[in-house]
Full PDB file with SEQRES, HELIX, SHEET, SSBOND, CRYST1, ORIGX, SCALE, CONECT and MASTER records, all heavy atoms in Angstrom:
SEQRES   1 A   43  THR LYS GLN GLU SER LEU SER ALA GLU ASN THR LYS LEU          
SEQRES   2 A   43  LEU ASN GLU ASN GLU GLN LEU LYS GLN GLU VAL ARG THR          
SEQRES   3 A   43  ALA SER GLU THR VAL GLU GLU THR GLN PRO GLU GLU ASN          
SEQRES   4 A   43  PRO TYR LYS ASP                                              
HELIX    1 AA1 LYS A    2  THR A   34  1                                  33    
CRYST1    1.000    1.000    1.000  90.00  90.00  90.00 P 1           1          
ORIGX1      1.000000  0.000000  0.000000        0.00000                         
ORIGX2      0.000000  1.000000  0.000000        0.00000                         
ORIGX3      0.000000  0.000000  1.000000        0.00000                         
SCALE1      1.000000  0.000000  0.000000        0.00000                         
SCALE2      0.000000  1.000000  0.000000        0.00000                         
SCALE3      0.000000  0.000000  1.000000        0.00000                         
ATOM      1  N   THR A   1       0.832  -1.209   0.000  1.00  0.00           N  
ATOM      2  CA  THR A   1       0.000   0.000   0.000  1.00  0.00           C  
ATOM      3  C   THR A   1       0.865   1.256   0.000  1.00  0.00           C  
ATOM      4  O   THR A   1       0.601   2.212  -0.741  1.00  0.00           O  
ATOM      5  CB  THR A   1      -0.919   0.003   1.239  1.00  0.00           C  
ATOM      6  OG1 THR A   1      -1.736  -1.175   1.230  1.00  0.00           O  
ATOM      7  CG2 THR A   1      -1.821   1.230   1.237  1.00  0.00           C  
ATOM      8  N   LYS A   2       1.938   1.238   0.846  1.00  0.00           N  
ATOM      9  CA  LYS A   2       2.848   2.381   0.888  1.00  0.00           C  
ATOM     10  C   LYS A   2       3.560   2.564  -0.451  1.00  0.00           C  
ATOM     11  O   LYS A   2       3.761   3.694  -0.903  1.00  0.00           O  
ATOM     12  CB  LYS A   2       3.875   2.191   2.007  1.00  0.00           C  
ATOM     13  CG  LYS A   2       3.293   2.334   3.403  1.00  0.00           C  
ATOM     14  CD  LYS A   2       4.366   2.145   4.466  1.00  0.00           C  
ATOM     15  CE  LYS A   2       3.779   2.290   5.866  1.00  0.00           C  
ATOM     16  NZ  LYS A   2       4.802   2.078   6.921  1.00  0.00           N  
ATOM     17  N   GLN A   3       3.944   1.443  -1.066  1.00  0.00           N  
ATOM     18  CA  GLN A   3       4.612   1.515  -2.350  1.00  0.00           C  
ATOM     19  C   GLN A   3       3.707   2.137  -3.406  1.00  0.00           C  
ATOM     20  O   GLN A   3       4.144   2.964  -4.209  1.00  0.00           O  
ATOM     21  CB  GLN A   3       5.058   0.119  -2.796  1.00  0.00           C  
ATOM     22  CG  GLN A   3       5.858   0.118  -4.102  1.00  0.00           C  
ATOM     23  CD  GLN A   3       6.309  -1.267  -4.491  1.00  0.00           C  
ATOM     24  OE1 GLN A   3       5.982  -2.234  -3.821  1.00  0.00           O  
ATOM     25  NE2 GLN A   3       7.061  -1.367  -5.569  1.00  0.00           N  
ATOM     26  N   GLU A   4       2.434   1.740  -3.407  1.00  0.00           N  
ATOM     27  CA  GLU A   4       1.485   2.334  -4.348  1.00  0.00           C  
ATOM     28  C   GLU A   4       1.326   3.826  -4.092  1.00  0.00           C  
ATOM     29  O   GLU A   4       1.263   4.626  -5.025  1.00  0.00           O  
ATOM     30  CB  GLU A   4       0.136   1.628  -4.237  1.00  0.00           C  
ATOM     31  CG  GLU A   4       0.154   0.179  -4.725  1.00  0.00           C  
ATOM     32  CD  GLU A   4      -1.171  -0.523  -4.505  1.00  0.00           C  
ATOM     33  OE1 GLU A   4      -2.081   0.131  -3.937  1.00  0.00           O  
ATOM     34  OE2 GLU A   4      -1.298  -1.705  -4.885  1.00  0.00           O  
ATOM     35  N   SER A   5       1.274   4.186  -2.773  1.00  0.00           N  
ATOM     36  CA  SER A   5       1.142   5.600  -2.423  1.00  0.00           C  
ATOM     37  C   SER A   5       2.371   6.388  -2.862  1.00  0.00           C  
ATOM     38  O   SER A   5       2.255   7.484  -3.424  1.00  0.00           O  
ATOM     39  CB  SER A   5       0.936   5.736  -0.910  1.00  0.00           C  
ATOM     40  OG  SER A   5       0.876   7.089  -0.539  1.00  0.00           O  
ATOM     41  N   LEU A   6       3.573   5.802  -2.615  1.00  0.00           N  
ATOM     42  CA  LEU A   6       4.805   6.476  -3.021  1.00  0.00           C  
ATOM     43  C   LEU A   6       4.906   6.588  -4.540  1.00  0.00           C  
ATOM     44  O   LEU A   6       5.373   7.603  -5.064  1.00  0.00           O  
ATOM     45  CB  LEU A   6       6.022   5.703  -2.472  1.00  0.00           C  
ATOM     46  CG  LEU A   6       6.247   5.779  -0.957  1.00  0.00           C  
ATOM     47  CD1 LEU A   6       7.368   4.848  -0.546  1.00  0.00           C  
ATOM     48  CD2 LEU A   6       6.569   7.216  -0.531  1.00  0.00           C  
ATOM     49  N   SER A   7       4.457   5.540  -5.223  1.00  0.00           N  
ATOM     50  CA  SER A   7       4.480   5.578  -6.686  1.00  0.00           C  
ATOM     51  C   SER A   7       3.572   6.685  -7.208  1.00  0.00           C  
ATOM     52  O   SER A   7       3.936   7.429  -8.122  1.00  0.00           O  
ATOM     53  CB  SER A   7       4.054   4.219  -7.237  1.00  0.00           C  
ATOM     54  OG  SER A   7       4.035   4.233  -8.647  1.00  0.00           O  
ATOM     55  N   ALA A   8       2.382   6.795  -6.590  1.00  0.00           N  
ATOM     56  CA  ALA A   8       1.448   7.852  -7.008  1.00  0.00           C  
ATOM     57  C   ALA A   8       2.026   9.230  -6.699  1.00  0.00           C  
ATOM     58  O   ALA A   8       1.924  10.159  -7.514  1.00  0.00           O  
ATOM     59  CB  ALA A   8       0.107   7.672  -6.306  1.00  0.00           C  
ATOM     60  N   GLU A   9       2.671   9.356  -5.516  1.00  0.00           N  
ATOM     61  CA  GLU A   9       3.277  10.628  -5.138  1.00  0.00           C  
ATOM     62  C   GLU A   9       4.432  10.979  -6.074  1.00  0.00           C  
ATOM     63  O   GLU A   9       4.598  12.137  -6.477  1.00  0.00           O  
ATOM     64  CB  GLU A   9       3.789  10.551  -3.688  1.00  0.00           C  
ATOM     65  CG  GLU A   9       4.321  11.864  -3.139  1.00  0.00           C  
ATOM     66  CD  GLU A   9       3.238  12.893  -2.936  1.00  0.00           C  
ATOM     67  OE1 GLU A   9       2.054  12.501  -2.834  1.00  0.00           O  
ATOM     68  OE2 GLU A   9       3.569  14.093  -2.885  1.00  0.00           O  
ATOM     69  N   ASN A  10       5.220   9.950  -6.440  1.00  0.00           N  
ATOM     70  CA  ASN A  10       6.331  10.165  -7.359  1.00  0.00           C  
ATOM     71  C   ASN A  10       5.832  10.623  -8.728  1.00  0.00           C  
ATOM     72  O   ASN A  10       6.389  11.547  -9.336  1.00  0.00           O  
ATOM     73  CB  ASN A  10       7.138   8.877  -7.492  1.00  0.00           C  
ATOM     74  CG  ASN A  10       8.381   9.054  -8.338  1.00  0.00           C  
ATOM     75  OD1 ASN A  10       9.154   9.977  -8.132  1.00  0.00           O  
ATOM     76  ND2 ASN A  10       8.571   8.171  -9.294  1.00  0.00           N  
ATOM     77  N   THR A  11       4.762   9.991  -9.196  1.00  0.00           N  
ATOM     78  CA  THR A  11       4.175  10.397 -10.475  1.00  0.00           C  
ATOM     79  C   THR A  11       3.677  11.835 -10.413  1.00  0.00           C  
ATOM     80  O   THR A  11       3.875  12.625 -11.348  1.00  0.00           O  
ATOM     81  CB  THR A  11       3.016   9.450 -10.845  1.00  0.00           C  
ATOM     82  OG1 THR A  11       3.496   8.105 -10.908  1.00  0.00           O  
ATOM     83  CG2 THR A  11       2.403   9.840 -12.179  1.00  0.00           C  
ATOM     84  N   LYS A  12       3.061  12.183  -9.286  1.00  0.00           N  
ATOM     85  CA  LYS A  12       2.561  13.547  -9.112  1.00  0.00           C  
ATOM     86  C   LYS A  12       3.716  14.554  -9.130  1.00  0.00           C  
ATOM     87  O   LYS A  12       3.637  15.609  -9.772  1.00  0.00           O  
ATOM     88  CB  LYS A  12       1.792  13.643  -7.792  1.00  0.00           C  
ATOM     89  CG  LYS A  12       1.240  15.030  -7.503  1.00  0.00           C  
ATOM     90  CD  LYS A  12       0.517  15.042  -6.166  1.00  0.00           C  
ATOM     91  CE  LYS A  12       0.009  16.454  -5.839  1.00  0.00           C  
ATOM     92  NZ  LYS A  12      -0.655  16.502  -4.522  1.00  0.00           N  
ATOM     93  N   LEU A  13       4.821  14.205  -8.403  1.00  0.00           N  
ATOM     94  CA  LEU A  13       5.971  15.109  -8.361  1.00  0.00           C  
ATOM     95  C   LEU A  13       6.613  15.247  -9.744  1.00  0.00           C  
ATOM     96  O   LEU A  13       7.028  16.351 -10.127  1.00  0.00           O  
ATOM     97  CB  LEU A  13       7.012  14.574  -7.358  1.00  0.00           C  
ATOM     98  CG  LEU A  13       6.617  14.666  -5.880  1.00  0.00           C  
ATOM     99  CD1 LEU A  13       7.657  13.972  -5.015  1.00  0.00           C  
ATOM    100  CD2 LEU A  13       6.458  16.124  -5.443  1.00  0.00           C  
ATOM    101  N   LEU A  14       6.689  14.136 -10.480  1.00  0.00           N  
ATOM    102  CA  LEU A  14       7.241  14.209 -11.834  1.00  0.00           C  
ATOM    103  C   LEU A  14       6.400  15.118 -12.722  1.00  0.00           C  
ATOM    104  O   LEU A  14       6.933  15.922 -13.496  1.00  0.00           O  
ATOM    105  CB  LEU A  14       7.324  12.797 -12.434  1.00  0.00           C  
ATOM    106  CG  LEU A  14       8.404  11.863 -11.858  1.00  0.00           C  
ATOM    107  CD1 LEU A  14       8.266  10.474 -12.455  1.00  0.00           C  
ATOM    108  CD2 LEU A  14       9.795  12.413 -12.118  1.00  0.00           C  
ATOM    109  N   ASN A  15       5.073  14.991 -12.593  1.00  0.00           N  
ATOM    110  CA  ASN A  15       4.186  15.851 -13.384  1.00  0.00           C  
ATOM    111  C   ASN A  15       4.351  17.313 -12.996  1.00  0.00           C  
ATOM    112  O   ASN A  15       4.388  18.198 -13.859  1.00  0.00           O  
ATOM    113  CB  ASN A  15       2.733  15.410 -13.207  1.00  0.00           C  
ATOM    114  CG  ASN A  15       2.454  14.050 -13.826  1.00  0.00           C  
ATOM    115  OD1 ASN A  15       3.152  13.624 -14.741  1.00  0.00           O  
ATOM    116  ND2 ASN A  15       1.453  13.350 -13.332  1.00  0.00           N  
ATOM    117  N   GLU A  16       4.438  17.572 -11.662  1.00  0.00           N  
ATOM    118  CA  GLU A  16       4.622  18.950 -11.204  1.00  0.00           C  
ATOM    119  C   GLU A  16       5.959  19.502 -11.674  1.00  0.00           C  
ATOM    120  O   GLU A  16       6.058  20.678 -12.062  1.00  0.00           O  
ATOM    121  CB  GLU A  16       4.529  19.004  -9.675  1.00  0.00           C  
ATOM    122  CG  GLU A  16       3.123  18.755  -9.137  1.00  0.00           C  
ATOM    123  CD  GLU A  16       3.077  18.791  -7.619  1.00  0.00           C  
ATOM    124  OE1 GLU A  16       4.157  18.885  -7.003  1.00  0.00           O  
ATOM    125  OE2 GLU A  16       1.969  18.714  -7.050  1.00  0.00           O  
ATOM    126  N   ASN A  17       7.004  18.652 -11.615  1.00  0.00           N  
ATOM    127  CA  ASN A  17       8.325  19.070 -12.069  1.00  0.00           C  
ATOM    128  C   ASN A  17       8.309  19.422 -13.553  1.00  0.00           C  
ATOM    129  O   ASN A  17       8.872  20.435 -13.980  1.00  0.00           O  
ATOM    130  CB  ASN A  17       9.338  17.954 -11.800  1.00  0.00           C  
ATOM    131  CG  ASN A  17      10.757  18.369 -12.129  1.00  0.00           C  
ATOM    132  OD1 ASN A  17      11.201  19.451 -11.765  1.00  0.00           O  
ATOM    133  ND2 ASN A  17      11.480  17.509 -12.814  1.00  0.00           N  
ATOM    134  N   GLU A  18       7.649  18.580 -14.334  1.00  0.00           N  
ATOM    135  CA  GLU A  18       7.552  18.841 -15.773  1.00  0.00           C  
ATOM    136  C   GLU A  18       6.765  20.120 -16.040  1.00  0.00           C  
ATOM    137  O   GLU A  18       7.111  20.910 -16.929  1.00  0.00           O  
ATOM    138  CB  GLU A  18       6.872  17.648 -16.459  1.00  0.00           C  
ATOM    139  CG  GLU A  18       6.895  17.718 -17.973  1.00  0.00           C  
ATOM    140  CD  GLU A  18       8.290  17.711 -18.548  1.00  0.00           C  
ATOM    141  OE1 GLU A  18       9.190  17.101 -17.933  1.00  0.00           O  
ATOM    142  OE2 GLU A  18       8.492  18.333 -19.613  1.00  0.00           O  
ATOM    143  N   GLN A  19       5.703  20.337 -15.228  1.00  0.00           N  
ATOM    144  CA  GLN A  19       4.902  21.556 -15.381  1.00  0.00           C  
ATOM    145  C   GLN A  19       5.735  22.794 -15.038  1.00  0.00           C  
ATOM    146  O   GLN A  19       5.663  23.811 -15.728  1.00  0.00           O  
ATOM    147  CB  GLN A  19       3.669  21.479 -14.485  1.00  0.00           C  
ATOM    148  CG  GLN A  19       2.723  22.658 -14.663  1.00  0.00           C  
ATOM    149  CD  GLN A  19       1.464  22.513 -13.820  1.00  0.00           C  
ATOM    150  OE1 GLN A  19       1.267  21.501 -13.144  1.00  0.00           O  
ATOM    151  NE2 GLN A  19       0.620  23.516 -13.841  1.00  0.00           N  
ATOM    152  N   LEU A  20       6.549  22.683 -13.951  1.00  0.00           N  
ATOM    153  CA  LEU A  20       7.399  23.807 -13.567  1.00  0.00           C  
ATOM    154  C   LEU A  20       8.435  24.104 -14.654  1.00  0.00           C  
ATOM    155  O   LEU A  20       8.709  25.267 -14.960  1.00  0.00           O  
ATOM    156  CB  LEU A  20       8.108  23.502 -12.238  1.00  0.00           C  
ATOM    157  CG  LEU A  20       7.240  23.569 -10.986  1.00  0.00           C  
ATOM    158  CD1 LEU A  20       8.021  23.091  -9.768  1.00  0.00           C  
ATOM    159  CD2 LEU A  20       6.731  24.998 -10.735  1.00  0.00           C  
ATOM    160  N   LYS A  21       9.010  23.020 -15.235  1.00  0.00           N  
ATOM    161  CA  LYS A  21       9.967  23.222 -16.320  1.00  0.00           C  
ATOM    162  C   LYS A  21       9.314  23.954 -17.487  1.00  0.00           C  
ATOM    163  O   LYS A  21       9.911  24.860 -18.077  1.00  0.00           O  
ATOM    164  CB  LYS A  21      10.510  21.871 -16.791  1.00  0.00           C  
ATOM    165  CG  LYS A  21      11.505  21.231 -15.842  1.00  0.00           C  
ATOM    166  CD  LYS A  21      12.014  19.924 -16.424  1.00  0.00           C  
ATOM    167  CE  LYS A  21      13.030  19.268 -15.500  1.00  0.00           C  
ATOM    168  NZ  LYS A  21      13.515  17.968 -16.057  1.00  0.00           N  
ATOM    169  N   GLN A  22       8.080  23.538 -17.793  1.00  0.00           N  
ATOM    170  CA  GLN A  22       7.359  24.175 -18.895  1.00  0.00           C  
ATOM    171  C   GLN A  22       7.090  25.642 -18.586  1.00  0.00           C  
ATOM    172  O   GLN A  22       7.228  26.515 -19.456  1.00  0.00           O  
ATOM    173  CB  GLN A  22       6.045  23.424 -19.162  1.00  0.00           C  
ATOM    174  CG  GLN A  22       5.246  23.960 -20.343  1.00  0.00           C  
ATOM    175  CD  GLN A  22       6.005  23.839 -21.647  1.00  0.00           C  
ATOM    176  OE1 GLN A  22       6.736  22.880 -21.858  1.00  0.00           O  
ATOM    177  NE2 GLN A  22       5.849  24.807 -22.526  1.00  0.00           N  
ATOM    178  N   GLU A  23       6.701  25.926 -17.311  1.00  0.00           N  
ATOM    179  CA  GLU A  23       6.452  27.312 -16.915  1.00  0.00           C  
ATOM    180  C   GLU A  23       7.723  28.144 -16.993  1.00  0.00           C  
ATOM    181  O   GLU A  23       7.689  29.308 -17.417  1.00  0.00           O  
ATOM    182  CB  GLU A  23       5.871  27.348 -15.499  1.00  0.00           C  
ATOM    183  CG  GLU A  23       4.449  26.798 -15.414  1.00  0.00           C  
ATOM    184  CD  GLU A  23       3.931  26.774 -13.983  1.00  0.00           C  
ATOM    185  OE1 GLU A  23       4.707  27.140 -13.068  1.00  0.00           O  
ATOM    186  OE2 GLU A  23       2.770  26.400 -13.774  1.00  0.00           O  
ATOM    187  N   VAL A  24       8.860  27.541 -16.561  1.00  0.00           N  
ATOM    188  CA  VAL A  24      10.143  28.258 -16.631  1.00  0.00           C  
ATOM    189  C   VAL A  24      10.506  28.551 -18.079  1.00  0.00           C  
ATOM    190  O   VAL A  24      10.950  29.652 -18.417  1.00  0.00           O  
ATOM    191  CB  VAL A  24      11.256  27.435 -15.942  1.00  0.00           C  
ATOM    192  CG1 VAL A  24      12.623  28.034 -16.242  1.00  0.00           C  
ATOM    193  CG2 VAL A  24      11.038  27.402 -14.444  1.00  0.00           C  
ATOM    194  N   ARG A  25      10.312  27.525 -18.957  1.00  0.00           N  
ATOM    195  CA  ARG A  25      10.608  27.740 -20.371  1.00  0.00           C  
ATOM    196  C   ARG A  25       9.719  28.840 -20.949  1.00  0.00           C  
ATOM    197  O   ARG A  25      10.190  29.711 -21.691  1.00  0.00           O  
ATOM    198  CB  ARG A  25      10.417  26.437 -21.156  1.00  0.00           C  
ATOM    199  CG  ARG A  25      11.539  25.426 -20.964  1.00  0.00           C  
ATOM    200  CD  ARG A  25      11.464  24.337 -22.026  1.00  0.00           C  
ATOM    201  NE  ARG A  25      10.289  23.497 -21.847  1.00  0.00           N  
ATOM    202  CZ  ARG A  25      10.284  22.371 -21.168  1.00  0.00           C  
ATOM    203  NH1 ARG A  25      11.394  21.936 -20.590  1.00  0.00           N  
ATOM    204  NH2 ARG A  25       9.186  21.642 -21.053  1.00  0.00           N  
ATOM    205  N   THR A  26       8.424  28.794 -20.588  1.00  0.00           N  
ATOM    206  CA  THR A  26       7.491  29.804 -21.084  1.00  0.00           C  
ATOM    207  C   THR A  26       7.873  31.190 -20.586  1.00  0.00           C  
ATOM    208  O   THR A  26       7.867  32.165 -21.342  1.00  0.00           O  
ATOM    209  CB  THR A  26       6.060  29.464 -20.652  1.00  0.00           C  
ATOM    210  OG1 THR A  26       5.712  28.153 -21.118  1.00  0.00           O  
ATOM    211  CG2 THR A  26       5.074  30.479 -21.201  1.00  0.00           C  
ATOM    212  N   ALA A  27       8.225  31.251 -19.258  1.00  0.00           N  
ATOM    213  CA  ALA A  27       8.628  32.542 -18.677  1.00  0.00           C  
ATOM    214  C   ALA A  27       9.899  33.059 -19.336  1.00  0.00           C  
ATOM    215  O   ALA A  27      10.030  34.254 -19.615  1.00  0.00           O  
ATOM    216  CB  ALA A  27       8.833  32.398 -17.171  1.00  0.00           C  
ATOM    217  N   SER A  28      10.843  32.139 -19.583  1.00  0.00           N  
ATOM    218  CA  SER A  28      12.102  32.537 -20.229  1.00  0.00           C  
ATOM    219  C   SER A  28      11.842  33.062 -21.632  1.00  0.00           C  
ATOM    220  O   SER A  28      12.414  34.076 -22.047  1.00  0.00           O  
ATOM    221  CB  SER A  28      13.051  31.344 -20.279  1.00  0.00           C  
ATOM    222  OG  SER A  28      14.241  31.681 -20.945  1.00  0.00           O  
ATOM    223  N   GLU A  29      10.958  32.354 -22.367  1.00  0.00           N  
ATOM    224  CA  GLU A  29      10.626  32.807 -23.715  1.00  0.00           C  
ATOM    225  C   GLU A  29       9.924  34.159 -23.673  1.00  0.00           C  
ATOM    226  O   GLU A  29      10.176  35.029 -24.516  1.00  0.00           O  
ATOM    227  CB  GLU A  29       9.741  31.772 -24.404  1.00  0.00           C  
ATOM    228  CG  GLU A  29      10.470  30.471 -24.720  1.00  0.00           C  
ATOM    229  CD  GLU A  29       9.531  29.398 -25.240  1.00  0.00           C  
ATOM    230  OE1 GLU A  29       8.313  29.677 -25.318  1.00  0.00           O  
ATOM    231  OE2 GLU A  29      10.006  28.289 -25.555  1.00  0.00           O  
ATOM    232  N   THR A  30       9.047  34.333 -22.650  1.00  0.00           N  
ATOM    233  CA  THR A  30       8.342  35.610 -22.513  1.00  0.00           C  
ATOM    234  C   THR A  30       9.312  36.739 -22.221  1.00  0.00           C  
ATOM    235  O   THR A  30       9.212  37.834 -22.781  1.00  0.00           O  
ATOM    236  CB  THR A  30       7.292  35.521 -21.398  1.00  0.00           C  
ATOM    237  OG1 THR A  30       6.381  34.451 -21.687  1.00  0.00           O  
ATOM    238  CG2 THR A  30       6.522  36.830 -21.273  1.00  0.00           C  
ATOM    239  N   VAL A  31      10.291  36.445 -21.313  1.00  0.00           N  
ATOM    240  CA  VAL A  31      11.293  37.471 -20.979  1.00  0.00           C  
ATOM    241  C   VAL A  31      12.116  37.824 -22.204  1.00  0.00           C  
ATOM    242  O   VAL A  31      12.401  38.992 -22.473  1.00  0.00           O  
ATOM    243  CB  VAL A  31      12.216  36.959 -19.837  1.00  0.00           C  
ATOM    244  CG1 VAL A  31      13.412  37.886 -19.673  1.00  0.00           C  
ATOM    245  CG2 VAL A  31      11.446  36.891 -18.537  1.00  0.00           C  
ATOM    246  N   GLU A  32      12.479  36.774 -22.970  1.00  0.00           N  
ATOM    247  CA  GLU A  32      13.257  37.039 -24.176  1.00  0.00           C  
ATOM    248  C   GLU A  32      12.459  37.861 -25.170  1.00  0.00           C  
ATOM    249  O   GLU A  32      13.001  38.739 -25.858  1.00  0.00           O  
ATOM    250  CB  GLU A  32      13.687  35.716 -24.817  1.00  0.00           C  
ATOM    251  CG  GLU A  32      14.739  34.973 -24.011  1.00  0.00           C  
ATOM    252  CD  GLU A  32      15.098  33.645 -24.650  1.00  0.00           C  
ATOM    253  OE1 GLU A  32      14.491  33.315 -25.693  1.00  0.00           O  
ATOM    254  OE2 GLU A  32      15.977  32.953 -24.107  1.00  0.00           O  
ATOM    255  N   GLU A  33      11.133  37.564 -25.262  1.00  0.00           N  
ATOM    256  CA  GLU A  33      10.303  38.300 -26.207  1.00  0.00           C  
ATOM    257  C   GLU A  33      10.101  39.741 -25.763  1.00  0.00           C  
ATOM    258  O   GLU A  33      10.045  40.654 -26.590  1.00  0.00           O  
ATOM    259  CB  GLU A  33       8.948  37.610 -26.356  1.00  0.00           C  
ATOM    260  CG  GLU A  33       9.037  36.268 -27.084  1.00  0.00           C  
ATOM    261  CD  GLU A  33       7.716  35.539 -27.113  1.00  0.00           C  
ATOM    262  OE1 GLU A  33       6.761  36.096 -26.526  1.00  0.00           O  
ATOM    263  OE2 GLU A  33       7.638  34.450 -27.695  1.00  0.00           O  
ATOM    264  N   THR A  34       9.944  39.932 -24.414  1.00  0.00           N  
ATOM    265  CA  THR A  34       9.657  41.282 -23.912  1.00  0.00           C  
ATOM    266  C   THR A  34      10.916  42.077 -23.602  1.00  0.00           C  
ATOM    267  O   THR A  34      10.827  43.255 -23.312  1.00  0.00           O  
ATOM    268  CB  THR A  34       8.803  41.191 -22.637  1.00  0.00           C  
ATOM    269  OG1 THR A  34       9.504  40.408 -21.647  1.00  0.00           O  
ATOM    270  CG2 THR A  34       7.470  40.539 -22.923  1.00  0.00           C  
ATOM    271  N   GLN A  35      12.086  41.395 -23.629  1.00  0.00           N  
ATOM    272  CA  GLN A  35      13.316  42.111 -23.325  1.00  0.00           C  
ATOM    273  C   GLN A  35      13.569  43.164 -24.400  1.00  0.00           C  
ATOM    274  O   GLN A  35      13.557  42.855 -25.601  1.00  0.00           O  
ATOM    275  CB  GLN A  35      14.485  41.137 -23.270  1.00  0.00           C  
ATOM    276  CG  GLN A  35      15.771  41.788 -22.770  1.00  0.00           C  
ATOM    277  CD  GLN A  35      16.853  40.746 -22.605  1.00  0.00           C  
ATOM    278  OE1 GLN A  35      16.680  39.603 -22.974  1.00  0.00           O  
ATOM    279  NE2 GLN A  35      17.968  41.138 -22.036  1.00  0.00           N  
ATOM    280  N   PRO A  36      13.779  44.390 -23.995  1.00  0.00           N  
ATOM    281  CA  PRO A  36      13.982  45.448 -24.987  1.00  0.00           C  
ATOM    282  C   PRO A  36      15.254  45.206 -25.795  1.00  0.00           C  
ATOM    283  O   PRO A  36      16.246  44.687 -25.283  1.00  0.00           O  
ATOM    284  CB  PRO A  36      14.091  46.725 -24.129  1.00  0.00           C  
ATOM    285  CG  PRO A  36      14.511  46.240 -22.775  1.00  0.00           C  
ATOM    286  CD  PRO A  36      13.882  44.891 -22.617  1.00  0.00           C  
ATOM    287  N   GLU A  37      15.178  45.564 -27.061  1.00  0.00           N  
ATOM    288  CA  GLU A  37      16.346  45.410 -27.911  1.00  0.00           C  
ATOM    289  C   GLU A  37      17.433  46.390 -27.495  1.00  0.00           C  
ATOM    290  O   GLU A  37      17.162  47.472 -26.982  1.00  0.00           O  
ATOM    291  CB  GLU A  37      15.949  45.660 -29.376  1.00  0.00           C  
ATOM    292  CG  GLU A  37      14.965  44.632 -29.921  1.00  0.00           C  
ATOM    293  CD  GLU A  37      14.641  44.900 -31.371  1.00  0.00           C  
ATOM    294  OE1 GLU A  37      15.200  45.887 -31.925  1.00  0.00           O  
ATOM    295  OE2 GLU A  37      13.833  44.155 -31.938  1.00  0.00           O  
ATOM    296  N   GLU A  38      18.658  45.958 -27.712  1.00  0.00           N  
ATOM    297  CA  GLU A  38      19.784  46.824 -27.366  1.00  0.00           C  
ATOM    298  C   GLU A  38      19.739  48.092 -28.213  1.00  0.00           C  
ATOM    299  O   GLU A  38      19.475  48.036 -29.423  1.00  0.00           O  
ATOM    300  CB  GLU A  38      21.096  46.069 -27.606  1.00  0.00           C  
ATOM    301  CG  GLU A  38      22.319  46.860 -27.169  1.00  0.00           C  
ATOM    302  CD  GLU A  38      23.594  46.062 -27.383  1.00  0.00           C  
ATOM    303  OE1 GLU A  38      23.493  44.888 -27.789  1.00  0.00           O  
ATOM    304  OE2 GLU A  38      24.683  46.622 -27.152  1.00  0.00           O  
ATOM    305  N   ASN A  39      19.978  49.214 -27.564  1.00  0.00           N  
ATOM    306  CA  ASN A  39      19.940  50.502 -28.249  1.00  0.00           C  
ATOM    307  C   ASN A  39      21.128  50.611 -29.209  1.00  0.00           C  
ATOM    308  O   ASN A  39      22.279  50.663 -28.776  1.00  0.00           O  
ATOM    309  CB  ASN A  39      19.982  51.629 -27.210  1.00  0.00           C  
ATOM    310  CG  ASN A  39      19.948  53.002 -27.861  1.00  0.00           C  
ATOM    311  OD1 ASN A  39      19.771  53.118 -29.068  1.00  0.00           O  
ATOM    312  ND2 ASN A  39      20.130  54.042 -27.047  1.00  0.00           N  
ATOM    313  N   PRO A  40      20.869  50.636 -30.529  1.00  0.00           N  
ATOM    314  CA  PRO A  40      21.983  50.723 -31.482  1.00  0.00           C  
ATOM    315  C   PRO A  40      22.641  52.103 -31.499  1.00  0.00           C  
ATOM    316  O   PRO A  40      23.704  52.276 -32.100  1.00  0.00           O  
ATOM    317  CB  PRO A  40      21.320  50.409 -32.827  1.00  0.00           C  
ATOM    318  CG  PRO A  40      19.900  50.829 -32.654  1.00  0.00           C  
ATOM    319  CD  PRO A  40      19.564  50.571 -31.212  1.00  0.00           C  
ATOM    320  N   TYR A  41      21.977  53.078 -30.844  1.00  0.00           N  
ATOM    321  CA  TYR A  41      22.504  54.450 -30.853  1.00  0.00           C  
ATOM    322  C   TYR A  41      22.927  54.909 -29.456  1.00  0.00           C  
ATOM    323  O   TYR A  41      22.888  56.098 -29.157  1.00  0.00           O  
ATOM    324  CB  TYR A  41      21.436  55.408 -31.397  1.00  0.00           C  
ATOM    325  CG  TYR A  41      20.889  55.018 -32.740  1.00  0.00           C  
ATOM    326  CD1 TYR A  41      19.573  54.594 -32.880  1.00  0.00           C  
ATOM    327  CD2 TYR A  41      21.690  55.055 -33.872  1.00  0.00           C  
ATOM    328  CE1 TYR A  41      19.070  54.231 -34.124  1.00  0.00           C  
ATOM    329  CE2 TYR A  41      21.186  54.688 -35.116  1.00  0.00           C  
ATOM    330  CZ  TYR A  41      19.874  54.285 -35.232  1.00  0.00           C  
ATOM    331  OH  TYR A  41      19.389  53.913 -36.457  1.00  0.00           O  
ATOM    332  N   LYS A  42      23.339  53.938 -28.615  1.00  0.00           N  
ATOM    333  CA  LYS A  42      23.651  54.302 -27.232  1.00  0.00           C  
ATOM    334  C   LYS A  42      24.843  55.262 -27.130  1.00  0.00           C  
ATOM    335  O   LYS A  42      24.976  55.987 -26.146  1.00  0.00           O  
ATOM    336  CB  LYS A  42      23.925  53.042 -26.411  1.00  0.00           C  
ATOM    337  CG  LYS A  42      25.126  52.240 -26.867  1.00  0.00           C  
ATOM    338  CD  LYS A  42      25.307  51.014 -25.990  1.00  0.00           C  
ATOM    339  CE  LYS A  42      26.511  50.183 -26.442  1.00  0.00           C  
ATOM    340  NZ  LYS A  42      26.701  48.988 -25.583  1.00  0.00           N  
ATOM    341  N   ASP A  43      25.723  55.268 -28.144  1.00  0.00           N  
ATOM    342  CA  ASP A  43      26.883  56.162 -28.111  1.00  0.00           C  
ATOM    343  C   ASP A  43      26.641  57.466 -28.852  1.00  0.00           C  
ATOM    344  O   ASP A  43      27.535  58.329 -28.917  1.00  0.00           O  
ATOM    345  CB  ASP A  43      28.110  55.455 -28.721  1.00  0.00           C  
ATOM    346  CG  ASP A  43      28.513  54.224 -27.923  1.00  0.00           C  
ATOM    347  OD1 ASP A  43      28.415  54.272 -26.689  1.00  0.00           O  
ATOM    348  OD2 ASP A  43      28.916  53.218 -28.542  1.00  0.00           O  
TER     349      ASP A  43                                                      
MASTER        0    0    0    1    0    0    0    6  348    1    0    4          
END                                                                             
């Protein structure tokens, strides 16, 4: 019973981990998209 519970918990953690990775990737892509372009006339 404990093994089944741990297996279910492990599956849940793996899913949450994958979801967090996806959120980080999405956030990183969003930051890259919203990051202002370097000013070509800064000098």
